[in-house]
Amino acid sequence: MKRIEVVQNILEANESIAAQNQRLLDKHRVFAINIMSAPGAGKTSLILQTIAKLKDRLRIGVIEGDVASTLDAEKVKDEAAAVIQITTRNMSESCSLIANMIDHALMSLPLEDIDLLLIENVGNLICPSEFVLGEHKRVVISSLPEGDDKPIKYPMIFADANAVIINKIDLLPHVDFDIPAFRRAVKELNPKPEFFEVSCKTGMGIEAWCSWLFDGVESNAQKVINEGG
């Protein structure tokens, strides 16, 4: 019973900080996306493609989460308006970013100069599903080489997703991945997500994904204005 209470307290504290984070983001009219996936699914590649497509229309900041290295931040730093690296190896929660980590990162970001904040979570399909960060949308990437059974094996992360990206679509002729079955499995968990079939290698599908993001930035800014922000 005590363990359940401790877990509940941790999650409640995280949600409280996440709400503060979102209020701060809204104050500066920054639209934040939490990008989650297994390692190697293509989070960093998607971020680089997104920046390349939208950098003339939006000011994009990035928070990079990783257990040990700064490799992803190094790849992104010359492309984004601002980049913050969070290394979780010596933190209490190492398999996921949590709201308190984002709180500290936001203090170091020039929020007044950012329209879109892309948060690359730690590569994991379990832990990140439990912790909200203050993001406006949650995105899950699943790549073809991983197989089409991920929604069945890791349902929690898909259940709250606002968008699901099927990445490395250029490999479809070479792998056994049933896209309709994958979509059905996600829809059984969650009827709301948008689906994007993309290839970060060829650029296929990136335009539709970026249009969804751009619309989200504009809609969120209008919402904040309407609410008096």
Foldseek 3Di string as FASTA:
>chain_A
DVVVVVVVVVLVVLVVLLQVVLVVLLVLLEAEEEEAAAPPLQLLLLVQLLLVVCVVPFQEEEEEEEQDDCVSVVVCVVRHNYYHYDHQNPPPDRQWDTQVSVVVVVVVDPSNRGLYYYYYIYRDLEVHLSHRHNHPFYEYEDEQVVELCCCVVRVSSLLRHQAYEYEPLVCVVPGDHDVVVSVVSSCVRHVHHHYFYAYSVVGPRSVVVSVVVVVSSVVSNVVSVVVVD
